[in-house]
Amino acid sequence: YEVSYVLPGTSFQIEVHVGLFNSDSKAFQNMNDLFC
């Protein structure tokens, strides 16, 4: 649900979220529904 990119030669990193929480986890699977 999140994919990380880094800018080579720097410490800059970004996480791209296609979901805010891991829907594959039973603990968090319904949390994304709160942000529809």
Full PDB file with SEQRES, HELIX, SHEET, SSBOND, CRYST1, ORIGX, SCALE, CONECT and MASTER records, all heavy atoms in Angstrom:
SEQRES   1 A   36  TYR GLU VAL SER TYR VAL LEU PRO GLY THR SER PHE GLN          
SEQRES   2 A   36  ILE GLU VAL HIS VAL GLY LEU PHE ASN SER ASP SER LYS          
SEQRES   3 A   36  ALA PHE GLN ASN MET ASN ASP LEU PHE CYS                      
HELIX    1 AA1 MET A   31  PHE A   35  5                                   5    
SHEET    1 AA1 2 GLU A   2  VAL A   6  0                                        
SHEET    2 AA1 2 GLN A  13  HIS A  17 -1                                        
CRYST1    1.000    1.000    1.000  90.00  90.00  90.00 P 1           1          
ORIGX1      1.000000  0.000000  0.000000        0.00000                         
ORIGX2      0.000000  1.000000  0.000000        0.00000                         
ORIGX3      0.000000  0.000000  1.000000        0.00000                         
SCALE1      1.000000  0.000000  0.000000        0.00000                         
SCALE2      0.000000  1.000000  0.000000        0.00000                         
SCALE3      0.000000  0.000000  1.000000        0.00000                         
ATOM      1  N   TYR A   1       0.822  -1.213   0.000  1.00  0.00           N  
ATOM      2  CA  TYR A   1       0.000   0.000   0.000  1.00  0.00           C  
ATOM      3  C   TYR A   1       0.852   1.258   0.000  1.00  0.00           C  
ATOM      4  O   TYR A   1       0.351   2.367  -0.166  1.00  0.00           O  
ATOM      5  CB  TYR A   1      -0.937   0.005   1.204  1.00  0.00           C  
ATOM      6  CG  TYR A   1      -0.260   0.255   2.539  1.00  0.00           C  
ATOM      7  CD1 TYR A   1      -0.336   1.496   3.158  1.00  0.00           C  
ATOM      8  CD2 TYR A   1       0.472  -0.747   3.179  1.00  0.00           C  
ATOM      9  CE1 TYR A   1       0.280   1.742   4.364  1.00  0.00           C  
ATOM     10  CE2 TYR A   1       1.079  -0.525   4.395  1.00  0.00           C  
ATOM     11  CZ  TYR A   1       0.991   0.716   4.984  1.00  0.00           C  
ATOM     12  OH  TYR A   1       1.607   0.941   6.193  1.00  0.00           O  
ATOM     13  N   GLU A   2       2.168   1.103   0.187  1.00  0.00           N  
ATOM     14  CA  GLU A   2       3.082   2.235   0.154  1.00  0.00           C  
ATOM     15  C   GLU A   2       4.359   1.814  -0.562  1.00  0.00           C  
ATOM     16  O   GLU A   2       4.854   0.701  -0.365  1.00  0.00           O  
ATOM     17  CB  GLU A   2       3.387   2.752   1.560  1.00  0.00           C  
ATOM     18  CG  GLU A   2       3.988   1.714   2.474  1.00  0.00           C  
ATOM     19  CD  GLU A   2       4.230   2.221   3.880  1.00  0.00           C  
ATOM     20  OE1 GLU A   2       3.795   3.335   4.192  1.00  0.00           O  
ATOM     21  OE2 GLU A   2       4.866   1.487   4.660  1.00  0.00           O  
ATOM     22  N   VAL A   3       4.881   2.702  -1.386  1.00  0.00           N  
ATOM     23  CA  VAL A   3       6.074   2.413  -2.178  1.00  0.00           C  
ATOM     24  C   VAL A   3       7.048   3.567  -1.999  1.00  0.00           C  
ATOM     25  O   VAL A   3       6.658   4.740  -2.089  1.00  0.00           O  
ATOM     26  CB  VAL A   3       5.726   2.244  -3.668  1.00  0.00           C  
ATOM     27  CG1 VAL A   3       6.981   1.919  -4.475  1.00  0.00           C  
ATOM     28  CG2 VAL A   3       4.677   1.150  -3.859  1.00  0.00           C  
ATOM     29  N   SER A   4       8.313   3.248  -1.740  1.00  0.00           N  
ATOM     30  CA  SER A   4       9.311   4.272  -1.429  1.00  0.00           C  
ATOM     31  C   SER A   4      10.213   4.563  -2.619  1.00  0.00           C  
ATOM     32  O   SER A   4      10.646   3.649  -3.336  1.00  0.00           O  
ATOM     33  CB  SER A   4      10.174   3.819  -0.242  1.00  0.00           C  
ATOM     34  OG  SER A   4       9.385   3.654   0.917  1.00  0.00           O  
ATOM     35  N   TYR A   5      10.496   5.844  -2.799  1.00  0.00           N  
ATOM     36  CA  TYR A   5      11.441   6.306  -3.815  1.00  0.00           C  
ATOM     37  C   TYR A   5      12.514   7.145  -3.128  1.00  0.00           C  
ATOM     38  O   TYR A   5      12.239   7.849  -2.149  1.00  0.00           O  
ATOM     39  CB  TYR A   5      10.735   7.161  -4.862  1.00  0.00           C  
ATOM     40  CG  TYR A   5       9.853   6.402  -5.818  1.00  0.00           C  
ATOM     41  CD1 TYR A   5       8.559   6.015  -5.443  1.00  0.00           C  
ATOM     42  CD2 TYR A   5      10.293   6.083  -7.100  1.00  0.00           C  
ATOM     43  CE1 TYR A   5       7.737   5.322  -6.334  1.00  0.00           C  
ATOM     44  CE2 TYR A   5       9.468   5.399  -7.989  1.00  0.00           C  
ATOM     45  CZ  TYR A   5       8.198   5.017  -7.604  1.00  0.00           C  
ATOM     46  OH  TYR A   5       7.392   4.325  -8.474  1.00  0.00           O  
ATOM     47  N   VAL A   6      13.727   7.107  -3.675  1.00  0.00           N  
ATOM     48  CA  VAL A   6      14.828   7.893  -3.134  1.00  0.00           C  
ATOM     49  C   VAL A   6      15.474   8.675  -4.267  1.00  0.00           C  
ATOM     50  O   VAL A   6      15.477   8.228  -5.419  1.00  0.00           O  
ATOM     51  CB  VAL A   6      15.869   6.976  -2.439  1.00  0.00           C  
ATOM     52  CG1 VAL A   6      16.522   6.031  -3.439  1.00  0.00           C  
ATOM     53  CG2 VAL A   6      16.911   7.800  -1.687  1.00  0.00           C  
ATOM     54  N   LEU A   7      15.974   9.857  -3.951  1.00  0.00           N  
ATOM     55  CA  LEU A   7      16.694  10.664  -4.929  1.00  0.00           C  
ATOM     56  C   LEU A   7      18.175  10.330  -4.803  1.00  0.00           C  
ATOM     57  O   LEU A   7      18.787  10.620  -3.764  1.00  0.00           O  
ATOM     58  CB  LEU A   7      16.463  12.154  -4.668  1.00  0.00           C  
ATOM     59  CG  LEU A   7      17.027  13.131  -5.707  1.00  0.00           C  
ATOM     60  CD1 LEU A   7      16.379  12.900  -7.079  1.00  0.00           C  
ATOM     61  CD2 LEU A   7      16.815  14.570  -5.264  1.00  0.00           C  
ATOM     62  N   PRO A   8      18.761   9.684  -5.802  1.00  0.00           N  
ATOM     63  CA  PRO A   8      20.163   9.233  -5.701  1.00  0.00           C  
ATOM     64  C   PRO A   8      21.118  10.366  -5.343  1.00  0.00           C  
ATOM     65  O   PRO A   8      20.965  11.502  -5.807  1.00  0.00           O  
ATOM     66  CB  PRO A   8      20.458   8.687  -7.113  1.00  0.00           C  
ATOM     67  CG  PRO A   8      19.121   8.301  -7.657  1.00  0.00           C  
ATOM     68  CD  PRO A   8      18.157   9.315  -7.104  1.00  0.00           C  
ATOM     69  N   GLY A   9      22.078  10.031  -4.490  1.00  0.00           N  
ATOM     70  CA  GLY A   9      23.078  11.011  -4.074  1.00  0.00           C  
ATOM     71  C   GLY A   9      22.610  11.944  -2.986  1.00  0.00           C  
ATOM     72  O   GLY A   9      23.343  12.864  -2.596  1.00  0.00           O  
ATOM     73  N   THR A  10      21.376  11.741  -2.485  1.00  0.00           N  
ATOM     74  CA  THR A  10      20.828  12.567  -1.417  1.00  0.00           C  
ATOM     75  C   THR A  10      20.178  11.662  -0.365  1.00  0.00           C  
ATOM     76  O   THR A  10      20.072  10.452  -0.553  1.00  0.00           O  
ATOM     77  CB  THR A  10      19.762  13.547  -1.943  1.00  0.00           C  
ATOM     78  OG1 THR A  10      18.537  12.826  -2.190  1.00  0.00           O  
ATOM     79  CG2 THR A  10      20.212  14.225  -3.225  1.00  0.00           C  
ATOM     80  N   SER A  11      19.741  12.262   0.710  1.00  0.00           N  
ATOM     81  CA  SER A  11      18.995  11.530   1.736  1.00  0.00           C  
ATOM     82  C   SER A  11      17.494  11.674   1.551  1.00  0.00           C  
ATOM     83  O   SER A  11      16.710  11.188   2.372  1.00  0.00           O  
ATOM     84  CB  SER A  11      19.388  12.023   3.140  1.00  0.00           C  
ATOM     85  OG  SER A  11      19.114  13.415   3.259  1.00  0.00           O  
ATOM     86  N   PHE A  12      17.072  12.325   0.468  1.00  0.00           N  
ATOM     87  CA  PHE A  12      15.651  12.597   0.259  1.00  0.00           C  
ATOM     88  C   PHE A  12      14.914  11.340  -0.175  1.00  0.00           C  
ATOM     89  O   PHE A  12      15.284  10.691  -1.156  1.00  0.00           O  
ATOM     90  CB  PHE A  12      15.472  13.690  -0.791  1.00  0.00           C  
ATOM     91  CG  PHE A  12      14.027  13.954  -1.133  1.00  0.00           C  
ATOM     92  CD1 PHE A  12      13.120  14.328  -0.149  1.00  0.00           C  
ATOM     93  CD2 PHE A  12      13.569  13.824  -2.443  1.00  0.00           C  
ATOM     94  CE1 PHE A  12      11.788  14.577  -0.451  1.00  0.00           C  
ATOM     95  CE2 PHE A  12      12.245  14.073  -2.763  1.00  0.00           C  
ATOM     96  CZ  PHE A  12      11.355  14.444  -1.763  1.00  0.00           C  
ATOM     97  N   GLN A  13      13.848  11.026   0.551  1.00  0.00           N  
ATOM     98  CA  GLN A  13      13.038   9.849   0.260  1.00  0.00           C  
ATOM     99  C   GLN A  13      11.571  10.209   0.368  1.00  0.00           C  
ATOM    100  O   GLN A  13      11.176  11.029   1.197  1.00  0.00           O  
ATOM    101  CB  GLN A  13      13.381   8.713   1.237  1.00  0.00           C  
ATOM    102  CG  GLN A  13      12.692   7.391   0.936  1.00  0.00           C  
ATOM    103  CD  GLN A  13      13.330   6.224   1.675  1.00  0.00           C  
ATOM    104  OE1 GLN A  13      14.539   6.060   1.667  1.00  0.00           O  
ATOM    105  NE2 GLN A  13      12.513   5.418   2.321  1.00  0.00           N  
ATOM    106  N   ILE A  14      10.764   9.591  -0.484  1.00  0.00           N  
ATOM    107  CA  ILE A  14       9.336   9.853  -0.477  1.00  0.00           C  
ATOM    108  C   ILE A  14       8.598   8.526  -0.482  1.00  0.00           C  
ATOM    109  O   ILE A  14       9.048   7.549  -1.086  1.00  0.00           O  
ATOM    110  CB  ILE A  14       8.929  10.723  -1.693  1.00  0.00           C  
ATOM    111  CG1 ILE A  14       7.479  11.201  -1.561  1.00  0.00           C  
ATOM    112  CG2 ILE A  14       9.140   9.998  -3.005  1.00  0.00           C  
ATOM    113  CD1 ILE A  14       7.110  12.276  -2.563  1.00  0.00           C  
ATOM    114  N   GLU A  15       7.479   8.472   0.244  1.00  0.00           N  
ATOM    115  CA  GLU A  15       6.623   7.296   0.237  1.00  0.00           C  
ATOM    116  C   GLU A  15       5.326   7.635  -0.484  1.00  0.00           C  
ATOM    117  O   GLU A  15       4.632   8.586  -0.115  1.00  0.00           O  
ATOM    118  CB  GLU A  15       6.330   6.809   1.658  1.00  0.00           C  
ATOM    119  CG  GLU A  15       7.490   6.079   2.298  1.00  0.00           C  
ATOM    120  CD  GLU A  15       7.080   5.285   3.539  1.00  0.00           C  
ATOM    121  OE1 GLU A  15       5.981   5.539   4.065  1.00  0.00           O  
ATOM    122  OE2 GLU A  15       7.861   4.432   3.972  1.00  0.00           O  
ATOM    123  N   VAL A  16       5.028   6.859  -1.495  1.00  0.00           N  
ATOM    124  CA  VAL A  16       3.805   7.037  -2.272  1.00  0.00           C  
ATOM    125  C   VAL A  16       2.773   6.057  -1.740  1.00  0.00           C  
ATOM    126  O   VAL A  16       2.974   4.844  -1.777  1.00  0.00           O  
ATOM    127  CB  VAL A  16       4.054   6.788  -3.771  1.00  0.00           C  
ATOM    128  CG1 VAL A  16       2.769   7.005  -4.561  1.00  0.00           C  
ATOM    129  CG2 VAL A  16       5.166   7.689  -4.285  1.00  0.00           C  
ATOM    130  N   HIS A  17       1.668   6.591  -1.239  1.00  0.00           N  
ATOM    131  CA  HIS A  17       0.619   5.759  -0.645  1.00  0.00           C  
ATOM    132  C   HIS A  17      -0.533   5.593  -1.617  1.00  0.00           C  
ATOM    133  O   HIS A  17      -1.162   6.577  -2.017  1.00  0.00           O  
ATOM    134  CB  HIS A  17       0.092   6.397   0.650  1.00  0.00           C  
ATOM    135  CG  HIS A  17       1.051   6.366   1.784  1.00  0.00           C  
ATOM    136  ND1 HIS A  17       0.916   5.506   2.842  1.00  0.00           N  
ATOM    137  CD2 HIS A  17       2.182   7.093   2.025  1.00  0.00           C  
ATOM    138  CE1 HIS A  17       1.905   5.701   3.702  1.00  0.00           C  
ATOM    139  NE2 HIS A  17       2.685   6.661   3.213  1.00  0.00           N  
ATOM    140  N   VAL A  18      -0.816   4.340  -1.983  1.00  0.00           N  
ATOM    141  CA  VAL A  18      -2.053   4.048  -2.696  1.00  0.00           C  
ATOM    142  C   VAL A  18      -3.159   3.731  -1.693  1.00  0.00           C  
ATOM    143  O   VAL A  18      -4.339   3.662  -2.038  1.00  0.00           O  
ATOM    144  CB  VAL A  18      -1.869   2.887  -3.690  1.00  0.00           C  
ATOM    145  CG1 VAL A  18      -0.872   3.285  -4.768  1.00  0.00           C  
ATOM    146  CG2 VAL A  18      -1.388   1.620  -2.984  1.00  0.00           C  
ATOM    147  N   GLY A  19      -2.766   3.538  -0.456  1.00  0.00           N  
ATOM    148  CA  GLY A  19      -3.671   3.395   0.682  1.00  0.00           C  
ATOM    149  C   GLY A  19      -2.996   4.006   1.886  1.00  0.00           C  
ATOM    150  O   GLY A  19      -1.768   4.045   1.966  1.00  0.00           O  
ATOM    151  N   LEU A  20      -3.772   4.507   2.821  1.00  0.00           N  
ATOM    152  CA  LEU A  20      -3.173   5.125   4.008  1.00  0.00           C  
ATOM    153  C   LEU A  20      -2.765   4.086   5.044  1.00  0.00           C  
ATOM    154  O   LEU A  20      -1.850   4.311   5.833  1.00  0.00           O  
ATOM    155  CB  LEU A  20      -4.153   6.124   4.621  1.00  0.00           C  
ATOM    156  CG  LEU A  20      -4.404   7.371   3.776  1.00  0.00           C  
ATOM    157  CD1 LEU A  20      -5.544   8.197   4.365  1.00  0.00           C  
ATOM    158  CD2 LEU A  20      -3.139   8.220   3.661  1.00  0.00           C  
ATOM    159  N   PHE A  21      -3.459   2.936   5.033  1.00  0.00           N  
ATOM    160  CA  PHE A  21      -3.153   1.854   5.964  1.00  0.00           C  
ATOM    161  C   PHE A  21      -3.146   0.530   5.207  1.00  0.00           C  
ATOM    162  O   PHE A  21      -3.719   0.417   4.118  1.00  0.00           O  
ATOM    163  CB  PHE A  21      -4.178   1.817   7.112  1.00  0.00           C  
ATOM    164  CG  PHE A  21      -4.180   3.049   7.955  1.00  0.00           C  
ATOM    165  CD1 PHE A  21      -5.034   4.104   7.672  1.00  0.00           C  
ATOM    166  CD2 PHE A  21      -3.297   3.175   9.012  1.00  0.00           C  
ATOM    167  CE1 PHE A  21      -5.030   5.258   8.434  1.00  0.00           C  
ATOM    168  CE2 PHE A  21      -3.273   4.332   9.777  1.00  0.00           C  
ATOM    169  CZ  PHE A  21      -4.137   5.378   9.493  1.00  0.00           C  
ATOM    170  N   ASN A  22      -2.490  -0.438   5.781  1.00  0.00           N  
ATOM    171  CA  ASN A  22      -2.336  -1.743   5.147  1.00  0.00           C  
ATOM    172  C   ASN A  22      -3.644  -2.526   5.221  1.00  0.00           C  
ATOM    173  O   ASN A  22      -3.993  -3.075   6.263  1.00  0.00           O  
ATOM    174  CB  ASN A  22      -1.203  -2.512   5.819  1.00  0.00           C  
ATOM    175  CG  ASN A  22      -0.930  -3.842   5.141  1.00  0.00           C  
ATOM    176  OD1 ASN A  22      -1.501  -4.155   4.098  1.00  0.00           O  
ATOM    177  ND2 ASN A  22      -0.037  -4.638   5.728  1.00  0.00           N  
ATOM    178  N   SER A  23      -4.360  -2.587   4.119  1.00  0.00           N  
ATOM    179  CA  SER A  23      -5.653  -3.279   4.115  1.00  0.00           C  
ATOM    180  C   SER A  23      -5.507  -4.791   4.179  1.00  0.00           C  
ATOM    181  O   SER A  23      -6.487  -5.509   4.388  1.00  0.00           O  
ATOM    182  CB  SER A  23      -6.451  -2.896   2.862  1.00  0.00           C  
ATOM    183  OG  SER A  23      -5.734  -3.214   1.690  1.00  0.00           O  
ATOM    184  N   ASP A  24      -4.286  -5.309   4.001  1.00  0.00           N  
ATOM    185  CA  ASP A  24      -4.052  -6.754   4.126  1.00  0.00           C  
ATOM    186  C   ASP A  24      -3.937  -7.190   5.583  1.00  0.00           C  
ATOM    187  O   ASP A  24      -3.959  -8.383   5.875  1.00  0.00           O  
ATOM    188  CB  ASP A  24      -2.776  -7.157   3.374  1.00  0.00           C  
ATOM    189  CG  ASP A  24      -2.924  -7.002   1.874  1.00  0.00           C  
ATOM    190  OD1 ASP A  24      -4.064  -7.119   1.396  1.00  0.00           O  
ATOM    191  OD2 ASP A  24      -1.912  -6.771   1.189  1.00  0.00           O  
ATOM    192  N   SER A  25      -3.774  -6.220   6.479  1.00  0.00           N  
ATOM    193  CA  SER A  25      -3.670  -6.523   7.906  1.00  0.00           C  
ATOM    194  C   SER A  25      -5.053  -6.458   8.541  1.00  0.00           C  
ATOM    195  O   SER A  25      -5.772  -5.467   8.365  1.00  0.00           O  
ATOM    196  CB  SER A  25      -2.730  -5.533   8.598  1.00  0.00           C  
ATOM    197  OG  SER A  25      -2.824  -5.633  10.002  1.00  0.00           O  
ATOM    198  N   LYS A  26      -5.419  -7.489   9.267  1.00  0.00           N  
ATOM    199  CA  LYS A  26      -6.733  -7.519   9.909  1.00  0.00           C  
ATOM    200  C   LYS A  26      -6.902  -6.355  10.870  1.00  0.00           C  
ATOM    201  O   LYS A  26      -8.006  -5.823  11.046  1.00  0.00           O  
ATOM    202  CB  LYS A  26      -6.919  -8.843  10.648  1.00  0.00           C  
ATOM    203  CG  LYS A  26      -8.320  -9.028  11.241  1.00  0.00           C  
ATOM    204  CD  LYS A  26      -8.468 -10.383  11.914  1.00  0.00           C  
ATOM    205  CE  LYS A  26      -9.862 -10.538  12.526  1.00  0.00           C  
ATOM    206  NZ  LYS A  26     -10.009 -11.842  13.224  1.00  0.00           N  
ATOM    207  N   ALA A  27      -5.802  -5.933  11.498  1.00  0.00           N  
ATOM    208  CA  ALA A  27      -5.884  -4.841  12.474  1.00  0.00           C  
ATOM    209  C   ALA A  27      -6.232  -3.509  11.822  1.00  0.00           C  
ATOM    210  O   ALA A  27      -6.883  -2.663  12.433  1.00  0.00           O  
ATOM    211  CB  ALA A  27      -4.564  -4.728  13.226  1.00  0.00           C  
ATOM    212  N   PHE A  28      -5.819  -3.305  10.571  1.00  0.00           N  
ATOM    213  CA  PHE A  28      -5.957  -1.990   9.945  1.00  0.00           C  
ATOM    214  C   PHE A  28      -6.821  -1.994   8.695  1.00  0.00           C  
ATOM    215  O   PHE A  28      -6.965  -0.966   8.043  1.00  0.00           O  
ATOM    216  CB  PHE A  28      -4.567  -1.450   9.574  1.00  0.00           C  
ATOM    217  CG  PHE A  28      -3.561  -1.555  10.679  1.00  0.00           C  
ATOM    218  CD1 PHE A  28      -2.423  -2.338  10.530  1.00  0.00           C  
ATOM    219  CD2 PHE A  28      -3.745  -0.888  11.873  1.00  0.00           C  
ATOM    220  CE1 PHE A  28      -1.498  -2.457  11.556  1.00  0.00           C  
ATOM    221  CE2 PHE A  28      -2.833  -0.993  12.907  1.00  0.00           C  
ATOM    222  CZ  PHE A  28      -1.697  -1.778  12.748  1.00  0.00           C  
ATOM    223  N   GLN A  29      -7.405  -3.143   8.357  1.00  0.00           N  
ATOM    224  CA  GLN A  29      -8.029  -3.284   7.043  1.00  0.00           C  
ATOM    225  C   GLN A  29      -9.214  -2.353   6.812  1.00  0.00           C  
ATOM    226  O   GLN A  29      -9.531  -2.025   5.662  1.00  0.00           O  
ATOM    227  CB  GLN A  29      -8.461  -4.733   6.828  1.00  0.00           C  
ATOM    228  CG  GLN A  29      -9.469  -5.256   7.842  1.00  0.00           C  
ATOM    229  CD  GLN A  29      -9.742  -6.750   7.669  1.00  0.00           C  
ATOM    230  OE1 GLN A  29      -9.238  -7.375   6.760  1.00  0.00           O  
ATOM    231  NE2 GLN A  29     -10.534  -7.302   8.568  1.00  0.00           N  
ATOM    232  N   ASN A  30      -9.893  -1.910   7.864  1.00  0.00           N  
ATOM    233  CA  ASN A  30     -11.067  -1.051   7.687  1.00  0.00           C  
ATOM    234  C   ASN A  30     -10.764   0.440   7.838  1.00  0.00           C  
ATOM    235  O   ASN A  30     -11.655   1.274   7.638  1.00  0.00           O  
ATOM    236  CB  ASN A  30     -12.153  -1.445   8.687  1.00  0.00           C  
ATOM    237  CG  ASN A  30     -12.667  -2.863   8.444  1.00  0.00           C  
ATOM    238  OD1 ASN A  30     -12.818  -3.278   7.292  1.00  0.00           O  
ATOM    239  ND2 ASN A  30     -12.924  -3.597   9.524  1.00  0.00           N  
ATOM    240  N   MET A  31      -9.519   0.780   8.206  1.00  0.00           N  
ATOM    241  CA  MET A  31      -9.209   2.184   8.460  1.00  0.00           C  
ATOM    242  C   MET A  31      -9.250   3.030   7.206  1.00  0.00           C  
ATOM    243  O   MET A  31      -9.619   4.211   7.246  1.00  0.00           O  
ATOM    244  CB  MET A  31      -7.850   2.302   9.150  1.00  0.00           C  
ATOM    245  CG  MET A  31      -7.855   1.810  10.592  1.00  0.00           C  
ATOM    246  SD  MET A  31      -6.278   2.094  11.423  1.00  0.00           S  
ATOM    247  CE  MET A  31      -6.639   1.413  13.060  1.00  0.00           C  
ATOM    248  N   ASN A  32      -8.884   2.461   6.060  1.00  0.00           N  
ATOM    249  CA  ASN A  32      -8.915   3.244   4.822  1.00  0.00           C  
ATOM    250  C   ASN A  32     -10.321   3.719   4.488  1.00  0.00           C  
ATOM    251  O   ASN A  32     -10.503   4.762   3.850  1.00  0.00           O  
ATOM    252  CB  ASN A  32      -8.354   2.420   3.661  1.00  0.00           C  
ATOM    253  CG  ASN A  32      -6.842   2.270   3.733  1.00  0.00           C  
ATOM    254  OD1 ASN A  32      -6.142   3.215   4.066  1.00  0.00           O  
ATOM    255  ND2 ASN A  32      -6.351   1.080   3.443  1.00  0.00           N  
ATOM    256  N   ASP A  33     -11.337   2.959   4.935  1.00  0.00           N  
ATOM    257  CA  ASP A  33     -12.723   3.342   4.646  1.00  0.00           C  
ATOM    258  C   ASP A  33     -13.108   4.662   5.311  1.00  0.00           C  
ATOM    259  O   ASP A  33     -14.070   5.320   4.902  1.00  0.00           O  
ATOM    260  CB  ASP A  33     -13.687   2.246   5.119  1.00  0.00           C  
ATOM    261  CG  ASP A  33     -13.508   0.942   4.350  1.00  0.00           C  
ATOM    262  OD1 ASP A  33     -12.953   0.991   3.235  1.00  0.00           O  
ATOM    263  OD2 ASP A  33     -13.901  -0.114   4.876  1.00  0.00           O  
ATOM    264  N   LEU A  34     -12.361   5.042   6.344  1.00  0.00           N  
ATOM    265  CA  LEU A  34     -12.656   6.291   7.053  1.00  0.00           C  
ATOM    266  C   LEU A  34     -12.160   7.519   6.293  1.00  0.00           C  
ATOM    267  O   LEU A  34     -12.408   8.647   6.708  1.00  0.00           O  
ATOM    268  CB  LEU A  34     -12.020   6.261   8.446  1.00  0.00           C  
ATOM    269  CG  LEU A  34     -12.493   5.135   9.378  1.00  0.00           C  
ATOM    270  CD1 LEU A  34     -11.682   5.132  10.670  1.00  0.00           C  
ATOM    271  CD2 LEU A  34     -13.975   5.291   9.687  1.00  0.00           C  
ATOM    272  N   PHE A  35     -11.453   7.285   5.185  1.00  0.00           N  
ATOM    273  CA  PHE A  35     -10.862   8.391   4.431  1.00  0.00           C  
ATOM    274  C   PHE A  35     -11.307   8.372   2.972  1.00  0.00           C  
ATOM    275  O   PHE A  35     -10.576   8.796   2.080  1.00  0.00           O  
ATOM    276  CB  PHE A  35      -9.330   8.299   4.506  1.00  0.00           C  
ATOM    277  CG  PHE A  35      -8.781   8.432   5.899  1.00  0.00           C  
ATOM    278  CD1 PHE A  35      -8.590   7.305   6.689  1.00  0.00           C  
ATOM    279  CD2 PHE A  35      -8.478   9.670   6.426  1.00  0.00           C  
ATOM    280  CE1 PHE A  35      -8.086   7.416   7.975  1.00  0.00           C  
ATOM    281  CE2 PHE A  35      -7.980   9.794   7.709  1.00  0.00           C  
ATOM    282  CZ  PHE A  35      -7.790   8.660   8.498  1.00  0.00           C  
ATOM    283  N   CYS A  36     -12.519   7.915   2.733  1.00  0.00           N  
ATOM    284  CA  CYS A  36     -12.983   7.751   1.348  1.00  0.00           C  
ATOM    285  C   CYS A  36     -13.207   9.084   0.641  1.00  0.00           C  
ATOM    286  O   CYS A  36     -13.239   9.141  -0.594  1.00  0.00           O  
ATOM    287  CB  CYS A  36     -14.246   6.891   1.308  1.00  0.00           C  
ATOM    288  SG  CYS A  36     -15.594   7.498   2.332  1.00  0.00           S  
TER     289      CYS A  36                                                      
MASTER        0    0    0    1    2    0    0    6  288    1    0    3          
END                                                                             
